[in-house]
N, C-alpha and C. Protein backbone atom coordinates (compact mmCIF):
# COMPACT_ATOMS: atom_id res chain seq x y z
N UNK A 1 -12.26 -26.23 14.71
CA UNK A 1 -12.74 -24.90 15.04
C UNK A 1 -11.54 -23.97 15.17
N UNK A 2 -11.63 -22.82 14.52
CA UNK A 2 -10.55 -21.84 14.55
C UNK A 2 -10.86 -20.76 15.58
N UNK A 3 -10.01 -20.64 16.58
CA UNK A 3 -10.23 -19.65 17.63
C UNK A 3 -9.18 -18.54 17.57
N UNK A 4 -8.59 -18.34 16.41
CA UNK A 4 -7.58 -17.31 16.27
C UNK A 4 -8.22 -15.93 16.37
N UNK A 5 -7.62 -15.08 17.20
CA UNK A 5 -8.10 -13.72 17.36
C UNK A 5 -7.57 -12.87 16.21
N UNK A 6 -8.43 -12.10 15.56
CA UNK A 6 -7.95 -11.24 14.48
C UNK A 6 -6.90 -10.26 15.00
N UNK A 7 -5.92 -9.98 14.15
CA UNK A 7 -4.88 -9.03 14.55
C UNK A 7 -5.42 -7.62 14.47
N UNK A 8 -4.89 -6.77 15.30
CA UNK A 8 -5.28 -5.36 15.28
C UNK A 8 -4.50 -4.64 14.19
N UNK A 9 -4.93 -3.45 13.88
CA UNK A 9 -4.23 -2.62 12.91
C UNK A 9 -2.79 -2.39 13.36
N UNK A 10 -2.60 -2.12 14.63
CA UNK A 10 -1.26 -1.88 15.15
C UNK A 10 -0.38 -3.11 14.96
N UNK A 11 -0.92 -4.28 15.21
CA UNK A 11 -0.16 -5.51 15.02
C UNK A 11 0.22 -5.70 13.55
N UNK A 12 -0.73 -5.45 12.67
CA UNK A 12 -0.45 -5.58 11.24
C UNK A 12 0.59 -4.55 10.78
N UNK A 13 0.50 -3.33 11.29
CA UNK A 13 1.50 -2.32 10.96
C UNK A 13 2.88 -2.71 11.50
N UNK A 14 2.92 -3.31 12.68
CA UNK A 14 4.20 -3.77 13.24
C UNK A 14 4.84 -4.83 12.35
N UNK A 15 4.02 -5.76 11.84
CA UNK A 15 4.53 -6.81 10.95
C UNK A 15 5.05 -6.17 9.66
N UNK A 16 4.28 -5.27 9.09
CA UNK A 16 4.70 -4.59 7.87
C UNK A 16 6.00 -3.83 8.10
N UNK A 17 6.07 -3.09 9.20
CA UNK A 17 7.27 -2.32 9.53
C UNK A 17 8.48 -3.23 9.67
N UNK A 18 8.31 -4.34 10.36
CA UNK A 18 9.41 -5.28 10.55
C UNK A 18 9.94 -5.82 9.23
N UNK A 19 9.04 -6.10 8.30
CA UNK A 19 9.49 -6.63 7.01
C UNK A 19 10.26 -5.57 6.23
N UNK A 20 9.84 -4.33 6.33
CA UNK A 20 10.57 -3.26 5.63
C UNK A 20 11.89 -2.95 6.32
N UNK A 21 11.94 -3.01 7.63
CA UNK A 21 13.22 -2.79 8.33
C UNK A 21 14.23 -3.83 7.87
N UNK A 22 13.80 -5.06 7.79
CA UNK A 22 14.68 -6.13 7.34
C UNK A 22 15.16 -5.88 5.91
N UNK A 23 14.26 -5.53 5.02
CA UNK A 23 14.62 -5.29 3.62
C UNK A 23 15.53 -4.08 3.48
N UNK A 24 15.26 -3.03 4.23
CA UNK A 24 16.10 -1.83 4.17
C UNK A 24 17.49 -2.12 4.71
N UNK A 25 17.57 -2.85 5.80
CA UNK A 25 18.88 -3.20 6.35
C UNK A 25 19.69 -4.05 5.36
N UNK A 26 19.03 -4.97 4.68
CA UNK A 26 19.72 -5.78 3.67
C UNK A 26 20.22 -4.91 2.52
N UNK A 27 19.40 -3.96 2.10
CA UNK A 27 19.81 -3.06 1.02
C UNK A 27 21.01 -2.21 1.44
N UNK A 28 21.00 -1.73 2.67
CA UNK A 28 22.12 -0.95 3.18
C UNK A 28 23.38 -1.80 3.21
N UNK A 29 23.26 -3.01 3.76
CA UNK A 29 24.41 -3.92 3.85
C UNK A 29 24.98 -4.27 2.48
N UNK A 30 24.12 -4.29 1.47
CA UNK A 30 24.55 -4.63 0.10
C UNK A 30 25.04 -3.41 -0.68
N UNK A 31 24.94 -2.24 -0.07
CA UNK A 31 25.39 -1.02 -0.74
C UNK A 31 24.43 -0.48 -1.77
N UNK A 32 23.18 -0.86 -1.69
CA UNK A 32 22.16 -0.40 -2.63
C UNK A 32 21.40 0.79 -2.04
N UNK A 33 22.11 1.89 -1.89
CA UNK A 33 21.52 3.06 -1.24
C UNK A 33 20.30 3.62 -1.97
N UNK A 34 20.30 3.54 -3.31
CA UNK A 34 19.16 4.06 -4.06
C UNK A 34 17.90 3.23 -3.79
N UNK A 35 18.07 1.97 -3.51
CA UNK A 35 16.95 1.08 -3.22
C UNK A 35 16.36 1.37 -1.84
N UNK A 36 17.19 1.87 -0.93
CA UNK A 36 16.72 2.21 0.42
C UNK A 36 15.61 3.26 0.34
N UNK A 37 15.82 4.29 -0.45
CA UNK A 37 14.82 5.35 -0.60
C UNK A 37 13.53 4.80 -1.22
N UNK A 38 13.66 3.91 -2.19
CA UNK A 38 12.48 3.28 -2.81
C UNK A 38 11.70 2.47 -1.79
N UNK A 39 12.41 1.71 -0.98
CA UNK A 39 11.75 0.89 0.05
C UNK A 39 11.03 1.77 1.07
N UNK A 40 11.68 2.84 1.49
CA UNK A 40 11.06 3.74 2.47
C UNK A 40 9.78 4.34 1.91
N UNK A 41 9.81 4.78 0.67
CA UNK A 41 8.61 5.35 0.05
C UNK A 41 7.52 4.29 -0.11
N UNK A 42 7.93 3.09 -0.45
CA UNK A 42 6.97 1.99 -0.61
C UNK A 42 6.31 1.66 0.73
N UNK A 43 7.09 1.67 1.80
CA UNK A 43 6.52 1.43 3.13
C UNK A 43 5.47 2.49 3.45
N UNK A 44 5.79 3.75 3.19
CA UNK A 44 4.82 4.82 3.46
C UNK A 44 3.52 4.59 2.72
N UNK A 45 3.61 4.25 1.43
CA UNK A 45 2.40 4.01 0.64
C UNK A 45 1.61 2.83 1.17
N UNK A 46 2.31 1.73 1.46
CA UNK A 46 1.63 0.51 1.89
C UNK A 46 0.99 0.68 3.27
N UNK A 47 1.70 1.35 4.18
CA UNK A 47 1.14 1.58 5.51
C UNK A 47 -0.07 2.51 5.44
N UNK A 48 0.02 3.55 4.62
CA UNK A 48 -1.10 4.48 4.46
C UNK A 48 -2.31 3.77 3.89
N UNK A 49 -2.09 2.93 2.88
CA UNK A 49 -3.20 2.16 2.30
C UNK A 49 -3.81 1.21 3.32
N UNK A 50 -2.98 0.56 4.11
CA UNK A 50 -3.48 -0.37 5.13
C UNK A 50 -4.38 0.35 6.12
N UNK A 51 -3.94 1.51 6.59
CA UNK A 51 -4.74 2.28 7.55
C UNK A 51 -6.04 2.73 6.89
N UNK A 52 -5.95 3.25 5.68
CA UNK A 52 -7.15 3.74 4.99
C UNK A 52 -8.16 2.62 4.79
N UNK A 53 -7.69 1.44 4.40
CA UNK A 53 -8.60 0.31 4.19
C UNK A 53 -9.27 -0.10 5.50
N UNK A 54 -8.48 -0.19 6.55
CA UNK A 54 -9.03 -0.63 7.84
C UNK A 54 -9.99 0.39 8.44
N UNK A 55 -9.75 1.67 8.14
CA UNK A 55 -10.58 2.73 8.71
C UNK A 55 -11.71 3.17 7.77
N UNK A 56 -11.80 2.51 6.60
CA UNK A 56 -12.85 2.86 5.65
C UNK A 56 -12.67 4.25 5.04
N UNK A 57 -11.43 4.63 4.80
CA UNK A 57 -11.15 5.97 4.30
C UNK A 57 -10.44 5.95 2.94
N UNK A 58 -10.61 4.89 2.18
CA UNK A 58 -9.90 4.80 0.91
C UNK A 58 -10.35 5.88 -0.08
N UNK A 59 -11.51 6.45 0.15
CA UNK A 59 -11.98 7.53 -0.73
C UNK A 59 -11.10 8.77 -0.62
N UNK A 60 -10.27 8.84 0.40
CA UNK A 60 -9.37 9.98 0.59
C UNK A 60 -8.03 9.79 -0.12
N UNK A 61 -7.84 8.62 -0.73
CA UNK A 61 -6.58 8.33 -1.40
C UNK A 61 -6.66 8.71 -2.86
N UNK A 62 -5.59 9.10 -3.49
CA UNK A 62 -4.26 9.27 -2.90
C UNK A 62 -4.20 10.54 -2.06
N UNK A 63 -3.35 10.49 -1.06
CA UNK A 63 -3.16 11.66 -0.22
C UNK A 63 -2.49 12.75 -1.03
N UNK A 64 -2.91 13.96 -0.80
CA UNK A 64 -2.30 15.10 -1.49
C UNK A 64 -1.79 16.08 -0.44
N UNK A 65 -0.60 16.58 -0.69
CA UNK A 65 -0.03 17.57 0.23
C UNK A 65 -0.75 18.91 0.06
N UNK A 66 -0.95 19.58 1.16
CA UNK A 66 -1.54 20.91 1.10
C UNK A 66 -0.47 21.91 0.67
N UNK A 67 -0.90 22.91 -0.05
CA UNK A 67 0.03 23.96 -0.45
C UNK A 67 0.33 24.86 0.72
N UNK A 68 1.55 25.35 0.76
CA UNK A 68 1.94 26.27 1.83
C UNK A 68 1.19 27.59 1.63
N UNK A 69 0.83 28.20 2.74
CA UNK A 69 0.07 29.46 2.67
C UNK A 69 0.95 30.62 2.26
């Protein structure tokens, strides 16, 4: 019998964030500065998708920036 409690969205986001922090730090240490920006953008996309899926809001994706007034 499996009595594992499902993780919350916050817990899943923490795990995702931790994996990206590790990857970004490795890229910085290796001198791959251009890869750091790619990783940061990838984290934003992945975290946004995770939240949208968990909240049932995937119909709002992709996010679009509003134009300045």
